[in-house]
């Protein structure tokens, strides 16, 4: 499950970074929640 989560989280975080520079400030948790 961890492997799948990491694989899904990576592209989501990358998209968040490209879409909104404030994403990293919110933290990877915010990106994961948005993806889910």
PDB file of N, CA and C in Angstrom:
ATOM      1  N   UNK A   1       0.834  -1.198   0.000  1.00  0.00           N
ATOM      2  CA  UNK A   1       0.000   0.000   0.000  1.00  0.00           C
ATOM      3  C   UNK A   1       0.879   1.263   0.000  1.00  0.00           C
ATOM      4  N   UNK A   2       1.980   1.207   0.745  1.00  0.00           N
ATOM      5  CA  UNK A   2       2.861   2.380   0.814  1.00  0.00           C
ATOM      6  C   UNK A   2       3.411   2.711  -0.567  1.00  0.00           C
ATOM      7  N   UNK A   3       3.782   1.670  -1.319  1.00  0.00           N
ATOM      8  CA  UNK A   3       4.334   1.909  -2.645  1.00  0.00           C
ATOM      9  C   UNK A   3       3.319   2.629  -3.529  1.00  0.00           C
ATOM     10  N   UNK A   4       2.084   2.177  -3.501  1.00  0.00           N
ATOM     11  CA  UNK A   4       1.045   2.790  -4.330  1.00  0.00           C
ATOM     12  C   UNK A   4       0.826   4.237  -3.891  1.00  0.00           C
ATOM     13  N   UNK A   5       0.772   4.457  -2.578  1.00  0.00           N
ATOM     14  CA  UNK A   5       0.542   5.802  -2.052  1.00  0.00           C
ATOM     15  C   UNK A   5       1.635   6.751  -2.531  1.00  0.00           C
ATOM     16  N   UNK A   6       2.888   6.313  -2.447  1.00  0.00           N
ATOM     17  CA  UNK A   6       4.005   7.153  -2.870  1.00  0.00           C
ATOM     18  C   UNK A   6       3.906   7.448  -4.366  1.00  0.00           C
ATOM     19  N   UNK A   7       3.559   6.438  -5.141  1.00  0.00           N
ATOM     20  CA  UNK A   7       3.464   6.621  -6.591  1.00  0.00           C
ATOM     21  C   UNK A   7       2.370   7.617  -6.938  1.00  0.00           C
ATOM     22  N   UNK A   8       1.267   7.558  -6.214  1.00  0.00           N
ATOM     23  CA  UNK A   8       0.157   8.479  -6.494  1.00  0.00           C
ATOM     24  C   UNK A   8       0.470   9.869  -5.952  1.00  0.00           C
ATOM     25  N   UNK A   9       1.078   9.929  -4.774  1.00  0.00           N
ATOM     26  CA  UNK A   9       1.368  11.226  -4.159  1.00  0.00           C
ATOM     27  C   UNK A   9       2.367  12.037  -4.980  1.00  0.00           C
ATOM     28  N   UNK A  10       3.407  11.392  -5.491  1.00  0.00           N
ATOM     29  CA  UNK A  10       4.439  12.108  -6.237  1.00  0.00           C
ATOM     30  C   UNK A  10       3.854  12.983  -7.345  1.00  0.00           C
ATOM     31  N   UNK A  11       3.086  12.414  -8.280  1.00  0.00           N
ATOM     32  CA  UNK A  11       2.525  13.240  -9.370  1.00  0.00           C
ATOM     33  C   UNK A  11       1.569  14.306  -8.857  1.00  0.00           C
ATOM     34  N   UNK A  12       0.845  14.017  -7.785  1.00  0.00           N
ATOM     35  CA  UNK A  12      -0.098  15.005  -7.248  1.00  0.00           C
ATOM     36  C   UNK A  12       0.673  16.201  -6.711  1.00  0.00           C
ATOM     37  N   UNK A  13       1.724  15.938  -5.948  1.00  0.00           N
ATOM     38  CA  UNK A  13       2.532  17.028  -5.386  1.00  0.00           C
ATOM     39  C   UNK A  13       3.167  17.821  -6.531  1.00  0.00           C
ATOM     40  N   UNK A  14       3.661  17.127  -7.541  1.00  0.00           N
ATOM     41  CA  UNK A  14       4.285  17.800  -8.679  1.00  0.00           C
ATOM     42  C   UNK A  14       3.273  18.712  -9.355  1.00  0.00           C
ATOM     43  N   UNK A  15       2.048  18.229  -9.515  1.00  0.00           N
ATOM     44  CA  UNK A  15       1.001  19.034 -10.148  1.00  0.00           C
ATOM     45  C   UNK A  15       0.676  20.239  -9.284  1.00  0.00           C
ATOM     46  N   UNK A  16       0.584  20.028  -7.977  1.00  0.00           N
ATOM     47  CA  UNK A  16       0.288  21.130  -7.058  1.00  0.00           C
ATOM     48  C   UNK A  16       1.379  22.189  -7.166  1.00  0.00           C
ATOM     49  N   UNK A  17       2.638  21.752  -7.221  1.00  0.00           N
ATOM     50  CA  UNK A  17       3.753  22.696  -7.313  1.00  0.00           C
ATOM     51  C   UNK A  17       3.645  23.516  -8.592  1.00  0.00           C
ATOM     52  N   UNK A  18       3.314  22.866  -9.688  1.00  0.00           N
ATOM     53  CA  UNK A  18       3.226  23.564 -10.965  1.00  0.00           C
ATOM     54  C   UNK A  18       2.001  24.473 -11.010  1.00  0.00           C
ATOM     55  N   UNK A  19       0.907  24.026 -10.394  1.00  0.00           N
ATOM     56  CA  UNK A  19      -0.328  24.818 -10.429  1.00  0.00           C
ATOM     57  C   UNK A  19      -0.289  25.970  -9.439  1.00  0.00           C
ATOM     58  N   UNK A  20       0.175  25.694  -8.209  1.00  0.00           N
ATOM     59  CA  UNK A  20       0.185  26.732  -7.175  1.00  0.00           C
ATOM     60  C   UNK A  20       1.450  26.642  -6.335  1.00  0.00           C
ATOM     61  N   UNK A  21       2.268  27.689  -6.357  1.00  0.00           N
ATOM     62  CA  UNK A  21       3.513  27.671  -5.568  1.00  0.00           C
ATOM     63  C   UNK A  21       3.244  27.587  -4.065  1.00  0.00           C
ATOM     64  N   UNK A  22       2.020  27.859  -3.638  1.00  0.00           N
ATOM     65  CA  UNK A  22       1.692  27.823  -2.213  1.00  0.00           C
ATOM     66  C   UNK A  22       1.485  26.383  -1.747  1.00  0.00           C
ATOM     67  N   UNK A  23       1.391  25.440  -2.673  1.00  0.00           N
ATOM     68  CA  UNK A  23       1.160  24.039  -2.322  1.00  0.00           C
ATOM     69  C   UNK A  23       2.192  23.517  -1.320  1.00  0.00           C
ATOM     70  N   UNK A  24       3.494  23.693  -1.575  1.00  0.00           N
ATOM     71  CA  UNK A  24       4.496  23.165  -0.631  1.00  0.00           C
ATOM     72  C   UNK A  24       4.351  23.780   0.756  1.00  0.00           C
ATOM     73  N   UNK A  25       3.882  25.017   0.824  1.00  0.00           N
ATOM     74  CA  UNK A  25       3.697  25.668   2.124  1.00  0.00           C
ATOM     75  C   UNK A  25       2.616  24.931   2.904  1.00  0.00           C
ATOM     76  N   UNK A  26       1.577  24.499   2.200  1.00  0.00           N
ATOM     77  CA  UNK A  26       0.486  23.776   2.855  1.00  0.00           C
ATOM     78  C   UNK A  26       0.983  22.418   3.342  1.00  0.00           C
ATOM     79  N   UNK A  27       1.906  21.830   2.599  1.00  0.00           N
ATOM     80  CA  UNK A  27       2.456  20.536   2.996  1.00  0.00           C
ATOM     81  C   UNK A  27       1.939  19.429   2.097  1.00  0.00           C
ATOM     82  N   UNK A  28       2.685  18.320   2.015  1.00  0.00           N
ATOM     83  CA  UNK A  28       2.269  17.196   1.167  1.00  0.00           C
ATOM     84  C   UNK A  28       0.927  16.621   1.600  1.00  0.00           C
ATOM     85  N   UNK A  29       0.588  16.761   2.861  1.00  0.00           N
ATOM     86  CA  UNK A  29      -0.692  16.243   3.354  1.00  0.00           C
ATOM     87  C   UNK A  29      -1.847  16.903   2.632  1.00  0.00           C
ATOM     88  N   UNK A  30      -1.734  18.221   2.407  1.00  0.00           N
ATOM     89  CA  UNK A  30      -2.800  18.945   1.717  1.00  0.00           C
ATOM     90  C   UNK A  30      -2.961  18.388   0.304  1.00  0.00           C
ATOM     91  N   UNK A  31      -1.835  18.163  -0.374  1.00  0.00           N
ATOM     92  CA  UNK A  31      -1.900  17.628  -1.733  1.00  0.00           C
ATOM     93  C   UNK A  31      -2.527  16.245  -1.749  1.00  0.00           C
ATOM     94  N   UNK A  32      -2.169  15.423  -0.779  1.00  0.00           N
ATOM     95  CA  UNK A  32      -2.725  14.068  -0.720  1.00  0.00           C
ATOM     96  C   UNK A  32      -4.235  14.129  -0.498  1.00  0.00           C
ATOM     97  N   UNK A  33      -4.659  15.011   0.392  1.00  0.00           N
ATOM     98  CA  UNK A  33      -6.092  15.120   0.672  1.00  0.00           C
ATOM     99  C   UNK A  33      -6.841  15.574  -0.579  1.00  0.00           C
ATOM    100  N   UNK A  34      -6.264  16.513  -1.305  1.00  0.00           N
ATOM    101  CA  UNK A  34      -6.930  16.994  -2.515  1.00  0.00           C
ATOM    102  C   UNK A  34      -7.018  15.874  -3.548  1.00  0.00           C
ATOM    103  N   UNK A  35      -5.957  15.096  -3.669  1.00  0.00           N
ATOM    104  CA  UNK A  35      -5.954  13.999  -4.630  1.00  0.00           C
ATOM    105  C   UNK A  35      -7.010  12.967  -4.275  1.00  0.00           C
ATOM    106  N   UNK A  36      -7.161  12.696  -2.981  1.00  0.00           N
ATOM    107  CA  UNK A  36      -8.146  11.702  -2.558  1.00  0.00           C
ATOM    108  C   UNK A  36      -9.528  12.330  -2.620  1.00  0.00           C
TER     109      UNK A  36
END
